[in-house]
Protein backbone atom coordinates (compact mmCIF):
# COMPACT_ATOMS: atom_id res chain seq x y z
CA MET A 1 101.52 87.49 239.76
CA ALA A 2 98.48 85.90 238.95
CA LYS A 3 97.10 86.73 235.42
CA LEU A 4 93.95 88.50 234.98
CA PRO A 5 91.02 86.49 233.61
CA THR A 6 90.49 87.33 229.81
CA LYS A 7 87.29 87.21 227.68
CA ARG A 8 87.37 85.36 224.54
CA PHE A 9 85.00 87.06 221.96
CA LYS A 10 83.71 84.75 219.17
CA LYS A 11 82.96 86.10 215.98
CA ILE A 12 79.38 86.97 215.38
CA ARG A 13 78.17 84.90 212.41
CA PRO A 14 74.60 85.60 210.94
CA LYS A 15 72.21 82.60 211.35
CA ASN A 16 71.88 80.55 208.26
CA GLY A 17 73.98 82.95 206.26
CA VAL A 18 71.44 85.62 205.92
CA ALA A 19 74.02 88.28 205.70
CA HIS A 20 76.21 86.60 203.46
CA ALA A 21 73.07 85.75 201.10
CA LEU A 22 71.96 89.28 201.11
CA HIS A 23 75.64 90.52 200.25
CA LEU A 24 75.61 88.18 197.25
CA LEU A 25 72.07 89.32 196.09
CA LEU A 26 73.06 92.91 196.26
CA THR A 27 76.21 92.23 194.34
CA LEU A 28 74.26 90.24 191.80
CA LEU A 29 71.73 93.10 191.62
CA LEU A 30 74.37 95.27 189.99
CA PRO A 31 74.83 93.57 186.69
CA ILE A 32 71.18 92.90 186.42
CA LEU A 33 70.47 96.66 186.74
CA VAL A 34 73.34 97.55 184.27
CA TYR A 35 71.72 95.11 181.69
CA VAL A 36 68.37 96.44 182.25
CA LEU A 37 69.38 100.08 181.68
CA VAL A 38 71.29 99.10 178.52
CA ARG A 39 68.27 97.50 177.26
CA ILE A 40 66.03 100.64 177.84
CA HIS A 41 68.84 102.78 176.38
CA PHE A 42 69.93 104.47 179.60
CA ALA A 43 73.55 103.60 179.33
CA GLN A 44 74.61 106.77 181.04
CA LEU A 45 72.78 105.88 184.02
CA ALA A 46 74.25 102.41 183.85
CA LEU A 47 77.83 103.94 184.03
CA LEU A 48 76.69 106.14 186.91
CA LEU A 49 75.43 103.12 188.69
CA ILE A 50 78.84 101.13 188.16
CA LEU A 51 80.54 104.53 189.57
CA LEU A 52 78.17 104.89 192.58
CA SER A 53 78.81 101.24 193.52
CA LYS A 54 82.24 102.37 194.60
CA TRP A 55 81.03 105.12 196.87
CA ARG A 56 83.22 103.72 199.71
CA MET A 57 86.43 105.19 198.07
CA TRP A 58 85.24 108.60 199.23
CA ALA A 59 83.87 107.64 202.58
CA VAL A 60 87.27 108.46 204.24
CA LYS A 61 89.67 111.28 204.72
CA PRO A 62 90.56 113.23 201.42
CA ARG A 63 94.39 112.10 201.79
CA HIS A 64 93.29 108.40 201.38
CA TRP A 65 91.27 108.96 197.92
CA PRO A 66 94.38 108.39 195.78
CA ALA A 67 95.04 105.19 197.41
CA ASN A 68 91.60 104.09 197.13
CA ILE A 69 91.11 104.88 193.58
CA ARG A 70 94.18 102.91 192.88
CA ALA A 71 92.71 100.00 194.72
CA ASN A 72 89.48 100.01 193.11
CA ALA A 73 90.61 101.18 189.60
CA ILE A 74 90.86 97.55 188.13
CA ASP A 75 87.22 96.84 189.26
CA ILE A 76 85.90 100.00 187.82
CA ILE A 77 87.89 99.40 184.56
CA VAL A 78 86.49 96.06 184.39
CA GLY A 79 82.68 97.20 185.03
CA VAL A 80 83.01 100.12 182.43
CA SER A 81 84.47 97.75 179.86
CA LEU A 82 81.73 95.16 180.35
CA LEU A 83 79.26 97.84 179.99
CA VAL A 84 80.91 98.88 176.65
CA PHE A 85 80.71 95.50 175.48
CA MET A 86 76.89 95.19 176.17
CA ILE A 87 76.44 98.71 174.39
CA GLN A 88 78.20 97.24 171.42
CA ALA A 89 76.61 93.82 171.29
CA ASP A 90 74.58 92.94 168.39
CA SER A 91 71.93 91.11 170.15
CA GLN A 92 70.18 90.61 173.38
CA LEU A 93 71.81 87.28 173.97
CA PHE A 94 75.21 88.51 173.87
CA GLN A 95 74.19 91.52 176.20
CA LEU A 96 72.96 88.75 178.55
CA ILE A 97 76.27 86.86 178.21
CA TRP A 98 78.32 90.12 179.02
CA ALA A 99 75.97 90.68 181.93
CA ALA A 100 76.72 87.11 183.37
CA VAL A 101 80.58 87.62 183.00
CA TYR A 102 80.27 90.99 185.11
CA ALA A 103 78.30 88.82 187.66
CA VAL A 104 81.16 86.27 187.60
CA TRP A 105 83.81 88.91 187.93
CA LEU A 106 81.89 90.44 191.10
CA LEU A 107 81.14 87.27 192.72
CA PHE A 108 84.13 84.98 192.02
CA ILE A 109 87.28 86.95 190.47
CA LYS A 110 87.02 90.35 192.02
CA PRO A 111 86.88 88.97 195.81
CA GLY A 112 90.10 86.94 195.47
CA SER A 113 93.04 88.20 197.58
CA GLN A 114 95.77 85.64 197.10
CA VAL A 115 98.72 86.27 194.73
CA ILE A 116 97.46 84.50 191.69
CA SER A 117 94.06 86.02 192.03
CA VAL A 118 95.17 89.58 192.12
CA SER A 119 97.59 88.91 189.16
CA ALA A 120 94.56 87.55 187.16
CA GLN A 121 92.56 90.59 188.03
CA ALA A 122 95.33 92.80 186.78
CA LEU A 123 95.73 90.97 183.49
CA ILE A 124 92.03 90.86 182.97
CA GLY A 125 91.33 94.45 183.77
CA GLN A 126 94.32 95.52 181.33
CA PHE A 127 92.92 93.39 178.62
CA VAL A 128 89.25 94.32 178.59
CA GLY A 129 90.04 98.00 179.44
CA LEU A 130 92.20 98.13 176.10
CA THR A 131 89.69 96.24 174.20
CA ALA A 132 86.79 98.48 175.17
CA LEU A 133 88.94 101.71 174.58
CA PHE A 134 89.87 100.79 170.92
CA LEU A 135 86.35 99.14 170.45
CA ARG A 136 84.51 102.20 171.50
CA TYR A 137 87.19 105.15 170.79
CA GLY A 138 89.42 103.74 168.04
CA ASP A 139 88.75 106.62 166.02
CA MET A 140 89.50 109.10 168.62
CA ASN A 141 92.67 111.49 168.29
CA ALA A 142 95.98 109.67 169.07
CA LEU A 143 96.70 111.63 172.14
CA GLY A 144 93.39 110.50 173.95
CA LEU A 145 94.21 106.86 173.10
CA ILE A 146 97.78 107.25 174.46
CA VAL A 147 96.65 109.07 177.78
CA ALA A 148 93.96 106.47 178.42
CA SER A 149 96.01 103.57 177.47
CA TRP A 150 99.09 104.87 179.92
CA ALA A 151 96.34 104.99 182.61
CA ILE A 152 95.00 101.61 182.09
CA CYS A 153 98.51 99.92 181.85
CA TYR A 154 99.71 101.88 184.80
CA LEU A 155 96.79 100.90 187.01
CA ALA A 156 96.92 97.17 186.07
CA ALA A 157 100.92 97.23 186.82
CA ARG A 158 100.09 98.82 190.23
CA HIS A 159 97.35 96.22 191.10
CA PHE A 160 99.73 93.50 189.87
CA LEU A 161 102.46 94.43 191.90
CA ALA A 162 100.29 95.25 195.00
CA SER A 163 100.65 91.58 196.11
CA PHE A 164 104.24 91.40 196.06
CA ASP A 165 106.83 93.21 198.40
CA GLU A 166 108.29 95.28 195.48
CA PRO A 167 110.17 98.41 196.58
CA GLN A 168 110.14 99.85 193.07
CA THR A 169 106.38 99.44 192.57
CA ARG A 170 105.92 103.04 191.51
CA PHE A 171 108.80 103.08 189.12
CA PHE A 172 107.83 99.83 187.49
CA SER A 173 104.28 100.92 187.11
CA TYR A 174 105.18 104.14 185.38
CA LEU A 175 107.57 102.26 183.09
CA TRP A 176 104.88 99.80 182.10
CA GLY A 177 102.52 102.61 181.46
CA TYR A 178 105.03 104.39 179.32
CA PHE A 179 105.76 101.14 177.30
CA GLY A 180 102.06 100.88 176.74
CA ALA A 181 101.62 104.56 175.74
CA ALA A 182 104.71 104.27 173.37
CA LEU A 183 103.34 101.30 171.57
CA VAL A 184 100.08 102.66 171.32
CA TRP A 185 101.48 106.07 169.80
CA ILE A 186 103.46 104.05 167.30
CA LEU A 187 100.53 101.63 166.20
CA SER A 188 97.81 104.39 166.38
CA HIS A 189 99.13 105.42 163.01
CA TRP A 190 98.31 101.88 161.60
CA LEU A 191 95.68 100.79 163.70
CA LEU A 192 94.72 97.16 163.02
CA PHE A 193 91.97 95.07 164.16
CA TYR A 194 91.70 91.33 164.64
CA GLY A 195 87.75 90.93 164.80
CA PRO A 196 87.01 93.29 167.78
CA ILE A 197 90.45 93.32 169.27
CA ALA A 198 92.92 96.03 168.32
CA GLN A 199 96.57 94.98 167.57
CA PRO A 200 97.96 97.47 170.50
CA THR A 201 95.70 95.46 172.77
CA LEU A 202 97.17 91.93 171.54
CA LEU A 203 100.86 93.15 171.65
CA ILE A 204 100.48 94.68 175.25
CA SER A 205 98.52 91.83 176.58
CA VAL A 206 100.93 89.16 175.19
CA ILE A 207 104.07 90.91 176.33
CA GLY A 208 102.57 91.84 179.75
CA PHE A 209 101.31 88.45 180.35
CA GLY A 210 104.86 87.23 179.56
CA LEU A 211 106.67 89.54 181.85
CA ALA A 212 104.10 89.10 184.73
CA THR A 213 104.68 85.15 184.18
CA LEU A 214 108.46 85.70 184.67
CA TYR A 215 108.07 88.21 187.39
CA TYR A 216 105.58 85.88 189.42
CA LEU A 217 107.83 82.74 189.04
CA HIS A 218 110.74 84.75 190.12
CA GLU A 219 109.35 85.99 193.09
CA THR A 220 107.94 82.48 194.07
CA ASP A 221 111.51 80.89 193.30
CA ARG A 222 110.16 78.75 190.45
CA LEU A 223 111.97 80.50 187.54
CA SER A 224 114.30 78.18 185.91
CA THR A 225 116.36 79.12 183.01
CA PHE A 226 114.58 76.51 180.88
CA PHE A 227 111.10 78.39 181.82
CA GLN A 228 112.61 81.74 181.33
CA ARG A 229 113.71 80.92 177.75
CA GLN A 230 110.51 79.10 176.85
CA ILE A 231 108.46 82.01 177.98
CA LEU A 232 110.62 84.69 176.10
CA PHE A 233 110.56 82.42 172.99
CA ILE A 234 106.78 82.10 173.01
CA MET A 235 106.28 85.85 173.79
CA LEU A 236 108.66 86.88 171.18
CA ALA A 237 107.22 84.27 168.42
CA ILE A 238 103.72 85.71 168.94
CA VAL A 239 104.85 89.26 168.79
CA VAL A 240 106.74 88.43 165.55
CA ILE A 241 103.72 86.63 164.09
CA LEU A 242 101.25 89.57 164.70
CA ILE A 243 103.62 92.04 163.19
CA VAL A 244 104.91 90.21 160.19
CA PHE A 245 101.57 88.63 159.15
CA SER A 246 99.45 91.66 159.52
CA ASP A 247 98.01 93.47 156.57
CA TRP A 248 99.61 97.16 156.69
CA GLY A 249 98.41 98.36 153.67
CA ASP A 250 95.77 101.25 153.59
CA LYS A 251 95.25 101.15 157.30
CA THR A 252 96.57 104.61 158.28
CA VAL A 253 93.96 106.33 160.64
């Protein structure tokens, strides 16, 4: 039986990359507008602009909203966190630096879809999210800090595990969120800061980075006994140093 002729459709690409250049320009416009709004003291509008930039989350049927929120949560956390850093910055120069960091995130880090890129996105989102939380709301009641920390850790874990074929993604994400919340509950009674970074942020980030590295190496069949022991030793050593050499006196909040 003779085969029917088939047509081959070529991908339509814009001449001279005009559409791509326009996309980059619109993406770059977001951190510029956020910076301008912060400079003229309209931080609330800047926050609204960041949230409105994710309008496509809602352009589907409601049953898809939870999945879309989880998929875009890290991007929102990073955007809101960098907005907090701009607001807290002491000078215009530092505000420009944070705007530039936001542009780098949007143009180079966020679009990555490989395993290592998604893992980096999750770790960055968790670190800046917790940093902004304690920097801006460190004097908030313990319950608020615990709930917010749980949400950040949970969403970061979901984002990290999304690039792996992990059947227990939900369980591990809840477990990591619980661990982060429990650690914040304990340390919120003696909230210490190392410069602008709170102790819970450092501890959760160090432990999270160590566990994420072990998981990544295991899933890619590159985890040897030597690497496992080395990573665990470094992770535990940093945790012990942070706990033992911290000034615990008169820090109760």
